[in-house]
C-alpha atoms as a PDB file:
ATOM      1  CA  MET A   1     -12.533  -6.972  -6.085  1.00  0.00           C
ATOM      2  CA  PRO A   2     -10.786  -3.946  -7.625  1.00  0.00           C
ATOM      3  CA  VAL A   3     -12.741  -0.706  -7.681  1.00  0.00           C
ATOM      4  CA  SER A   4     -12.120   2.003 -10.268  1.00  0.00           C
ATOM      5  CA  TYR A   5     -10.990   5.508  -9.316  1.00  0.00           C
ATOM      6  CA  ARG A   6     -14.292   6.897 -10.588  1.00  0.00           C
ATOM      7  CA  GLU A   7     -16.331   4.575  -8.328  1.00  0.00           C
ATOM      8  CA  VAL A   8     -14.280   5.576  -5.294  1.00  0.00           C
ATOM      9  CA  ALA A   9     -14.375   9.277  -6.211  1.00  0.00           C
ATOM     10  CA  VAL A  10     -18.179   9.206  -6.380  1.00  0.00           C
ATOM     11  CA  LEU A  11     -18.381   7.736  -2.880  1.00  0.00           C
ATOM     12  CA  PHE A  12     -15.827  10.165  -1.461  1.00  0.00           C
ATOM     13  CA  GLY A  13     -17.674  13.036  -3.113  1.00  0.00           C
ATOM     14  CA  GLU A  14     -21.020  12.230  -1.495  1.00  0.00           C
ATOM     15  CA  PHE A  15     -20.267  12.042   2.235  1.00  0.00           C
ATOM     16  CA  GLU A  16     -21.573  14.823   4.481  1.00  0.00           C
ATOM     17  CA  LYS A  17     -19.120  15.151   7.382  1.00  0.00           C
ATOM     18  CA  SER A  18     -16.440  12.456   7.571  1.00  0.00           C
ATOM     19  CA  THR A  19     -15.370   9.230   5.908  1.00  0.00           C
ATOM     20  CA  VAL A  20     -12.840   6.438   6.415  1.00  0.00           C
ATOM     21  CA  ARG A  21     -10.994   4.510   3.722  1.00  0.00           C
ATOM     22  CA  LEU A  22     -10.075   0.988   4.882  1.00  0.00           C
ATOM     23  CA  GLU A  23      -6.931  -0.382   3.234  1.00  0.00           C
ATOM     24  CA  CYS A  24      -6.069  -4.071   3.640  1.00  0.00           C
ATOM     25  CA  GLN A  25      -3.447  -4.501   0.910  1.00  0.00           C
ATOM     26  CA  GLN A  26      -0.251  -6.081   2.231  1.00  0.00           C
ATOM     27  CA  THR A  27       1.861  -5.056  -0.748  1.00  0.00           C
ATOM     28  CA  TYR A  28       1.586  -2.249  -3.278  1.00  0.00           C
ATOM     29  CA  LYS A  29       2.621  -3.298  -6.760  1.00  0.00           C
ATOM     30  CA  ILE A  30       0.760  -0.814  -8.945  1.00  0.00           C
ATOM     31  CA  PRO A  31       3.289   0.068 -11.699  1.00  0.00           C
ATOM     32  CA  ASP A  32       2.343   3.772 -11.862  1.00  0.00           C
ATOM     33  CA  GLU A  33       2.994   4.183  -8.112  1.00  0.00           C
ATOM     34  CA  GLN A  34       6.399   2.480  -7.792  1.00  0.00           C
ATOM     35  CA  GLU A  35       8.409   5.696  -8.183  1.00  0.00           C
ATOM     36  CA  ASP A  36       6.323   7.467  -5.502  1.00  0.00           C
ATOM     37  CA  LEU A  37       6.752   4.495  -3.159  1.00  0.00           C
ATOM     38  CA  ARG A  38      10.516   4.494  -3.722  1.00  0.00           C
ATOM     39  CA  ARG A  39      10.712   8.220  -2.889  1.00  0.00           C
ATOM     40  CA  TYR A  40       8.567   7.684   0.234  1.00  0.00           C
ATOM     41  CA  ARG A  41      11.128   5.365   1.828  1.00  0.00           C
ATOM     42  CA  PRO A  42      13.070   6.938   4.689  1.00  0.00           C
ATOM     43  CA  GLU A  43      16.461   6.686   2.964  1.00  0.00           C
ATOM     44  CA  SER A  44      15.170   8.784   0.066  1.00  0.00           C
ATOM     45  CA  ARG A  45      14.314  11.906   2.137  1.00  0.00           C
ATOM     46  CA  SER A  46      11.993  12.997  -0.665  1.00  0.00           C
ATOM     47  CA  CYS A  47       8.242  13.419  -0.783  1.00  0.00           C
ATOM     48  CA  PRO A  48       6.163  12.564  -3.874  1.00  0.00           C
ATOM     49  CA  ASP A  49       4.669  15.511  -5.767  1.00  0.00           C
ATOM     50  CA  ARG A  50       0.970  15.541  -4.870  1.00  0.00           C
ATOM     51  CA  THR A  51      -0.002  17.950  -7.656  1.00  0.00           C
ATOM     52  CA  ALA A  52       1.046  15.818 -10.637  1.00  0.00           C
ATOM     53  CA  GLY A  53       1.112  12.216 -11.745  1.00  0.00           C
ATOM     54  CA  PRO A  54      -1.378   9.353 -11.648  1.00  0.00           C
ATOM     55  CA  ASN A  55      -2.824  10.314  -8.239  1.00  0.00           C
ATOM     56  CA  SER A  56      -3.258  14.049  -8.878  1.00  0.00           C
ATOM     57  CA  GLU A  57      -7.046  13.740  -9.282  1.00  0.00           C
ATOM     58  CA  TRP A  58      -7.288  11.864  -5.974  1.00  0.00           C
ATOM     59  CA  HIS A  59      -5.239  14.486  -4.141  1.00  0.00           C
ATOM     60  CA  GLU A  60      -7.305  17.287  -5.667  1.00  0.00           C
ATOM     61  CA  LEU A  61     -10.467  15.542  -4.413  1.00  0.00           C
ATOM     62  CA  ILE A  62      -8.962  15.367  -0.903  1.00  0.00           C
ATOM     63  CA  ARG A  63      -8.015  19.074  -0.999  1.00  0.00           C
ATOM     64  CA  ALA A  64     -11.529  19.997  -2.142  1.00  0.00           C
ATOM     65  CA  ARG A  65     -13.212  17.988   0.646  1.00  0.00           C
ATOM     66  CA  ARG A  66     -10.897  19.522   3.259  1.00  0.00           C
ATOM     67  CA  ALA A  67     -11.682  23.006   1.941  1.00  0.00           C
ATOM     68  CA  GLU A  68     -15.367  22.173   2.567  1.00  0.00           C
ATOM     69  CA  GLY A  69     -14.510  21.334   6.188  1.00  0.00           C
ATOM     70  CA  LYS A  70     -14.950  17.596   5.691  1.00  0.00           C
ATOM     71  CA  VAL A  71     -12.717  14.932   7.262  1.00  0.00           C
ATOM     72  CA  MET A  72     -11.146  12.086   5.285  1.00  0.00           C
ATOM     73  CA  GLN A  73      -9.251   9.392   7.168  1.00  0.00           C
ATOM     74  CA  ARG A  74      -7.419   6.239   6.166  1.00  0.00           C
ATOM     75  CA  LEU A  75      -7.061   3.069   8.218  1.00  0.00           C
ATOM     76  CA  GLU A  76      -4.333   0.668   7.097  1.00  0.00           C
ATOM     77  CA  VAL A  77      -4.563  -2.906   8.358  1.00  0.00           C
ATOM     78  CA  ALA A  78      -1.189  -4.603   8.073  1.00  0.00           C
ATOM     79  CA  ARG A  79       0.376  -7.838   9.261  1.00  0.00           C
ATOM     80  CA  ARG A  80       3.847  -6.382   8.807  1.00  0.00           C
ATOM     81  CA  PRO A  81       5.320  -2.841   8.589  1.00  0.00           C
ATOM     82  CA  PHE A  82       4.806  -0.970   5.318  1.00  0.00           C
ATOM     83  CA  THR A  83       8.239   0.618   5.493  1.00  0.00           C
ATOM     84  CA  PRO A  84      11.612  -1.095   5.912  1.00  0.00           C
ATOM     85  CA  GLY A  85      13.499  -0.829   9.169  1.00  0.00           C
END
């Protein structure tokens, strides 16, 4: 069941010390993220801009939690590699 950014942001704004985000998606086909994913590939040698674009609010939330001394981690469960090669 898809969860909105706002619902996730509320949860990630309320933890006291550390939190883990469990990701089980096998493919990422969100239209707004395709350009970032293309630039992430090893042959691109480019890193997506974390201060602009559709995920800028999410990255600002992460920076704010880290500035508070909190830990945010991500666990990706995959049946196959996310990156080619």
